[in-house]
Each structure stands twice: as C-alpha cells, then as structure tokens.
Amino acid sequence: MESIKVIEDLVENYKKNPEEGMAGWSSSIKWKDGFYAEAQVDDHKPEVNSLEVNASGQLDLNVFLGLKEGNPGFKKINVQFIIDSGADDKQLEELVSKAMEISPM
C-alpha cells in the first residue's frame, strides 16, 4: 500500500519538523451557465448576474494527524464574495450577511 507509506513518511517528517505541518488552503467557486440560484433578502429578490466565492484558511496538519493536541479544524477562514448584480450595496450586504450566518464555515 503505497498511499499508507506516503502518510507514514509525512507523519515522520512532521514529527521532526512540525512547522511544515502548517498548511494553507484556498478554494474558488464561480457560477457558470447551466446553474440556477435564487437569492432573497427580506422581500427583495436581487438579480445576481454572476457570483464568485473565494475562501482560504490555515490548517495544522500536526493536529489533524494526531501528532499534537488541539482542534484539527481551521483556525480562521477568510471569504471574499465577488458579485455582479443589479442590486444596491445595502441589498448585497444583507445577502452576504445572511450567507455568512447560515454557512457551516
């Protein structure tokens, strides 16, 4: 099982060099043709022409791999929304606020 050997090698390396176990993570999502979503802020349904969501964070793989105690999840996640819409700034701020409120991140 070569994949187990790779993980074992990572664990040994992180034991010797824990700072190498700090990993960055990022993701970008762009809505394209063929996907439909509807957003609503209070009684308003702002038109969203395009939406891009960029997310990034730091993960301590030493904790994830059980090499030290702590929370194995992300310490902080940064999210950026890029929205092309006919809605005004207040509507968009309310929409982003609602998205962040119900987000599992």
N, C-alpha and C. Protein backbone atom coordinates (compact mmCIF):
# COMPACT_ATOMS: atom_id res chain seq x y z
N MET A 1 0.83 -1.18 0.00
CA MET A 1 0.00 0.00 0.00
C MET A 1 0.88 1.25 0.00
N GLU A 2 1.11 1.78 -1.17
CA GLU A 2 1.98 2.94 -1.32
C GLU A 2 1.40 4.19 -0.67
N SER A 3 0.06 4.36 -0.69
CA SER A 3 -0.55 5.56 -0.10
C SER A 3 -0.35 5.60 1.42
N ILE A 4 -0.34 4.45 2.08
CA ILE A 4 -0.09 4.41 3.53
C ILE A 4 1.36 4.80 3.81
N LYS A 5 2.27 4.37 2.98
CA LYS A 5 3.69 4.73 3.13
C LYS A 5 3.87 6.25 3.01
N VAL A 6 3.16 6.87 2.10
CA VAL A 6 3.24 8.32 1.92
C VAL A 6 2.79 9.02 3.19
N ILE A 7 1.69 8.57 3.79
CA ILE A 7 1.18 9.17 5.03
C ILE A 7 2.16 8.93 6.17
N GLU A 8 2.68 7.72 6.26
CA GLU A 8 3.67 7.43 7.31
C GLU A 8 4.90 8.33 7.18
N ASP A 9 5.36 8.55 5.94
CA ASP A 9 6.50 9.45 5.71
C ASP A 9 6.17 10.89 6.12
N LEU A 10 4.94 11.33 5.82
CA LEU A 10 4.51 12.67 6.23
C LEU A 10 4.53 12.79 7.76
N VAL A 11 3.99 11.79 8.43
CA VAL A 11 3.94 11.81 9.90
C VAL A 11 5.36 11.91 10.46
N GLU A 12 6.27 11.12 9.96
CA GLU A 12 7.65 11.17 10.44
C GLU A 12 8.29 12.52 10.18
N ASN A 13 8.04 13.08 9.01
CA ASN A 13 8.58 14.40 8.68
C ASN A 13 8.01 15.48 9.62
N TYR A 14 6.70 15.44 9.88
CA TYR A 14 6.07 16.44 10.75
C TYR A 14 6.53 16.29 12.19
N LYS A 15 6.86 15.06 12.61
CA LYS A 15 7.40 14.88 13.96
C LYS A 15 8.73 15.61 14.09
N LYS A 16 9.54 15.56 13.05
CA LYS A 16 10.85 16.20 13.07
C LYS A 16 10.77 17.71 12.80
N ASN A 17 9.81 18.09 11.96
CA ASN A 17 9.66 19.48 11.52
C ASN A 17 8.19 19.91 11.61
N PRO A 18 7.66 20.16 12.83
CA PRO A 18 6.24 20.47 12.97
C PRO A 18 5.78 21.69 12.18
N GLU A 19 6.66 22.65 11.95
CA GLU A 19 6.28 23.86 11.21
C GLU A 19 5.87 23.53 9.78
N GLU A 20 6.36 22.42 9.24
CA GLU A 20 5.98 22.02 7.88
C GLU A 20 4.55 21.46 7.84
N GLY A 21 3.99 21.20 9.01
CA GLY A 21 2.62 20.68 9.06
C GLY A 21 1.56 21.76 9.01
N MET A 22 1.97 23.02 8.94
CA MET A 22 1.01 24.11 8.80
C MET A 22 0.71 24.27 7.31
N ALA A 23 -0.54 24.04 6.95
CA ALA A 23 -0.91 24.05 5.53
C ALA A 23 -1.92 25.15 5.24
N GLY A 24 -1.72 25.84 4.14
CA GLY A 24 -2.71 26.80 3.66
C GLY A 24 -3.70 26.09 2.76
N TRP A 25 -4.86 26.66 2.65
CA TRP A 25 -5.92 26.07 1.84
C TRP A 25 -6.69 27.20 1.19
N SER A 26 -7.09 27.01 -0.05
CA SER A 26 -7.94 28.01 -0.70
C SER A 26 -8.83 27.33 -1.71
N SER A 27 -9.93 28.00 -1.99
CA SER A 27 -10.90 27.47 -2.94
C SER A 27 -11.58 28.65 -3.62
N SER A 28 -11.97 28.46 -4.86
CA SER A 28 -12.69 29.48 -5.60
C SER A 28 -13.84 28.82 -6.32
N ILE A 29 -15.00 29.42 -6.22
CA ILE A 29 -16.19 28.87 -6.87
C ILE A 29 -16.79 29.96 -7.75
N LYS A 30 -17.04 29.63 -9.02
CA LYS A 30 -17.68 30.57 -9.93
C LYS A 30 -18.93 29.92 -10.50
N TRP A 31 -20.03 30.63 -10.43
CA TRP A 31 -21.25 30.14 -11.04
C TRP A 31 -21.15 30.36 -12.54
N LYS A 32 -21.45 29.33 -13.34
CA LYS A 32 -21.39 29.41 -14.79
C LYS A 32 -22.76 29.10 -15.37
N ASP A 33 -22.86 29.13 -16.69
CA ASP A 33 -24.12 28.80 -17.35
C ASP A 33 -24.59 27.41 -16.94
N GLY A 34 -25.88 27.23 -16.89
CA GLY A 34 -26.43 25.93 -16.57
C GLY A 34 -26.71 25.72 -15.10
N PHE A 35 -26.46 26.72 -14.28
CA PHE A 35 -26.74 26.62 -12.85
C PHE A 35 -27.65 27.76 -12.48
N TYR A 36 -28.70 27.46 -11.76
CA TYR A 36 -29.66 28.49 -11.39
C TYR A 36 -29.73 28.60 -9.88
N ALA A 37 -29.67 29.80 -9.38
CA ALA A 37 -29.83 30.04 -7.95
C ALA A 37 -30.68 31.28 -7.77
N GLU A 38 -31.46 31.28 -6.70
CA GLU A 38 -32.29 32.44 -6.40
C GLU A 38 -31.95 32.91 -5.00
N ALA A 39 -31.73 34.19 -4.85
CA ALA A 39 -31.41 34.77 -3.56
C ALA A 39 -32.54 35.70 -3.15
N GLN A 40 -32.76 35.78 -1.86
CA GLN A 40 -33.80 36.68 -1.37
C GLN A 40 -33.31 37.37 -0.11
N VAL A 41 -33.47 38.68 -0.06
CA VAL A 41 -33.15 39.48 1.11
C VAL A 41 -34.44 40.15 1.53
N ASP A 42 -34.97 39.75 2.68
CA ASP A 42 -36.28 40.21 3.14
C ASP A 42 -37.29 39.94 2.03
N ASP A 43 -37.96 40.99 1.54
CA ASP A 43 -38.96 40.80 0.49
C ASP A 43 -38.39 41.05 -0.90
N HIS A 44 -37.09 41.30 -0.99
CA HIS A 44 -36.46 41.63 -2.27
C HIS A 44 -35.72 40.41 -2.81
N LYS A 45 -35.79 40.27 -4.12
CA LYS A 45 -35.03 39.21 -4.80
C LYS A 45 -34.07 39.89 -5.75
N PRO A 46 -32.84 40.19 -5.27
CA PRO A 46 -31.90 40.88 -6.15
C PRO A 46 -31.46 40.00 -7.30
N GLU A 47 -31.30 40.60 -8.47
CA GLU A 47 -30.81 39.88 -9.64
C GLU A 47 -29.31 39.70 -9.49
N VAL A 48 -28.85 38.45 -9.57
CA VAL A 48 -27.43 38.16 -9.49
C VAL A 48 -26.99 37.63 -10.85
N ASN A 49 -26.16 38.41 -11.54
CA ASN A 49 -25.68 38.00 -12.87
C ASN A 49 -24.54 37.01 -12.76
N SER A 50 -23.65 37.24 -11.81
CA SER A 50 -22.55 36.30 -11.59
C SER A 50 -22.11 36.39 -10.14
N LEU A 51 -21.55 35.30 -9.66
CA LEU A 51 -21.10 35.22 -8.27
C LEU A 51 -19.83 34.39 -8.22
N GLU A 52 -18.83 34.92 -7.53
CA GLU A 52 -17.59 34.19 -7.30
C GLU A 52 -17.32 34.23 -5.80
N VAL A 53 -16.97 33.08 -5.23
CA VAL A 53 -16.67 32.99 -3.81
C VAL A 53 -15.25 32.43 -3.68
N ASN A 54 -14.39 33.18 -3.01
CA ASN A 54 -13.01 32.75 -2.76
C ASN A 54 -12.86 32.52 -1.26
N ALA A 55 -12.35 31.37 -0.88
CA ALA A 55 -12.16 31.05 0.54
C ALA A 55 -10.74 30.53 0.76
N SER A 56 -10.16 30.88 1.91
CA SER A 56 -8.84 30.39 2.26
C SER A 56 -8.74 30.26 3.77
N GLY A 57 -7.80 29.44 4.23
CA GLY A 57 -7.62 29.26 5.67
C GLY A 57 -6.35 28.50 5.98
N GLN A 58 -6.04 28.40 7.27
CA GLN A 58 -4.86 27.69 7.75
C GLN A 58 -5.29 26.44 8.52
N LEU A 59 -4.60 25.35 8.27
CA LEU A 59 -4.89 24.06 8.89
C LEU A 59 -3.60 23.50 9.45
N ASP A 60 -3.61 23.06 10.71
CA ASP A 60 -2.42 22.46 11.33
C ASP A 60 -2.51 20.95 11.13
N LEU A 61 -1.74 20.44 10.17
CA LEU A 61 -1.77 19.00 9.86
C LEU A 61 -1.19 18.16 10.99
N ASN A 62 -0.40 18.77 11.88
CA ASN A 62 0.12 18.03 13.03
C ASN A 62 -1.03 17.58 13.93
N VAL A 63 -2.00 18.45 14.14
CA VAL A 63 -3.18 18.09 14.94
C VAL A 63 -4.04 17.11 14.17
N PHE A 64 -4.24 17.37 12.88
CA PHE A 64 -5.06 16.52 12.03
C PHE A 64 -4.55 15.08 12.03
N LEU A 65 -3.21 14.92 12.04
CA LEU A 65 -2.60 13.59 12.01
C LEU A 65 -2.38 13.00 13.40
N GLY A 66 -2.84 13.70 14.45
CA GLY A 66 -2.73 13.19 15.81
C GLY A 66 -1.35 13.32 16.43
N LEU A 67 -0.50 14.21 15.88
CA LEU A 67 0.85 14.37 16.40
C LEU A 67 0.91 15.33 17.59
N LYS A 68 -0.13 16.13 17.75
CA LYS A 68 -0.21 17.02 18.91
C LYS A 68 -1.67 17.29 19.21
N GLU A 69 -1.94 17.77 20.42
CA GLU A 69 -3.30 18.07 20.85
C GLU A 69 -3.77 19.38 20.23
N GLY A 70 -5.06 19.51 20.09
CA GLY A 70 -5.64 20.75 19.59
C GLY A 70 -6.85 20.50 18.72
N ASN A 71 -7.37 21.56 18.17
CA ASN A 71 -8.52 21.49 17.27
C ASN A 71 -8.02 21.17 15.86
N PRO A 72 -8.49 20.06 15.25
CA PRO A 72 -8.00 19.69 13.93
C PRO A 72 -8.60 20.52 12.80
N GLY A 73 -9.52 21.40 13.13
CA GLY A 73 -10.16 22.21 12.09
C GLY A 73 -9.38 23.47 11.77
N PHE A 74 -9.95 24.25 10.90
CA PHE A 74 -9.33 25.51 10.50
C PHE A 74 -9.42 26.52 11.65
N LYS A 75 -8.34 27.28 11.84
CA LYS A 75 -8.30 28.30 12.87
C LYS A 75 -9.10 29.52 12.44
N LYS A 76 -8.98 29.90 11.19
CA LYS A 76 -9.65 31.08 10.66
C LYS A 76 -9.87 30.84 9.17
N ILE A 77 -11.02 31.23 8.69
CA ILE A 77 -11.32 31.11 7.27
C ILE A 77 -11.67 32.50 6.75
N ASN A 78 -11.03 32.89 5.66
CA ASN A 78 -11.30 34.17 5.02
C ASN A 78 -12.16 33.90 3.78
N VAL A 79 -13.20 34.70 3.61
CA VAL A 79 -14.10 34.53 2.48
C VAL A 79 -14.27 35.87 1.76
N GLN A 80 -14.21 35.82 0.44
CA GLN A 80 -14.41 37.01 -0.38
C GLN A 80 -15.52 36.69 -1.38
N PHE A 81 -16.49 37.58 -1.50
CA PHE A 81 -17.57 37.45 -2.47
C PHE A 81 -17.38 38.49 -3.56
N ILE A 82 -17.44 38.07 -4.82
CA ILE A 82 -17.42 38.99 -5.95
C ILE A 82 -18.75 38.80 -6.67
N ILE A 83 -19.58 39.84 -6.64
CA ILE A 83 -20.94 39.74 -7.14
C ILE A 83 -21.19 40.78 -8.22
N ASP A 84 -21.74 40.33 -9.35
CA ASP A 84 -22.22 41.24 -10.38
C ASP A 84 -23.74 41.19 -10.29
N SER A 85 -24.34 42.32 -9.93
CA SER A 85 -25.76 42.33 -9.68
C SER A 85 -26.35 43.71 -9.92
N GLY A 86 -27.63 43.73 -10.20
CA GLY A 86 -28.36 44.99 -10.32
C GLY A 86 -28.81 45.51 -8.97
N ALA A 87 -28.56 44.76 -7.90
CA ALA A 87 -28.98 45.15 -6.55
C ALA A 87 -28.10 46.28 -6.03
N ASP A 88 -28.64 47.05 -5.10
CA ASP A 88 -27.84 48.12 -4.49
C ASP A 88 -26.93 47.53 -3.41
N ASP A 89 -25.98 48.35 -2.94
CA ASP A 89 -24.99 47.88 -1.95
C ASP A 89 -25.65 47.34 -0.69
N LYS A 90 -26.71 47.99 -0.21
CA LYS A 90 -27.38 47.54 1.02
C LYS A 90 -27.95 46.14 0.84
N GLN A 91 -28.61 45.89 -0.28
CA GLN A 91 -29.17 44.56 -0.55
C GLN A 91 -28.07 43.50 -0.60
N LEU A 92 -26.95 43.84 -1.27
CA LEU A 92 -25.84 42.88 -1.38
C LEU A 92 -25.21 42.61 -0.01
N GLU A 93 -25.05 43.63 0.80
CA GLU A 93 -24.51 43.44 2.15
C GLU A 93 -25.42 42.54 2.97
N GLU A 94 -26.73 42.73 2.85
CA GLU A 94 -27.69 41.88 3.57
C GLU A 94 -27.61 40.44 3.07
N LEU A 95 -27.45 40.28 1.76
CA LEU A 95 -27.36 38.94 1.17
C LEU A 95 -26.10 38.22 1.66
N VAL A 96 -24.96 38.90 1.64
CA VAL A 96 -23.70 38.31 2.10
C VAL A 96 -23.79 38.01 3.60
N SER A 97 -24.38 38.92 4.37
CA SER A 97 -24.54 38.71 5.81
C SER A 97 -25.36 37.45 6.09
N LYS A 98 -26.43 37.27 5.34
CA LYS A 98 -27.28 36.08 5.52
C LYS A 98 -26.52 34.82 5.12
N ALA A 99 -25.75 34.88 4.05
CA ALA A 99 -24.96 33.72 3.61
C ALA A 99 -23.96 33.33 4.68
N MET A 100 -23.30 34.31 5.29
CA MET A 100 -22.32 34.03 6.34
C MET A 100 -23.01 33.48 7.60
N GLU A 101 -24.21 33.96 7.88
CA GLU A 101 -24.96 33.50 9.06
C GLU A 101 -25.31 32.02 8.98
N ILE A 102 -25.65 31.55 7.80
CA ILE A 102 -26.08 30.16 7.67
C ILE A 102 -24.99 29.23 7.15
N SER A 103 -23.80 29.78 6.87
CA SER A 103 -22.70 28.98 6.35
C SER A 103 -22.14 28.04 7.42
N PRO A 104 -21.84 26.79 7.06
CA PRO A 104 -21.21 25.88 8.04
C PRO A 104 -19.77 26.24 8.33
N MET A 105 -19.18 27.14 7.57
CA MET A 105 -17.79 27.53 7.81
C MET A 105 -17.80 28.68 8.77
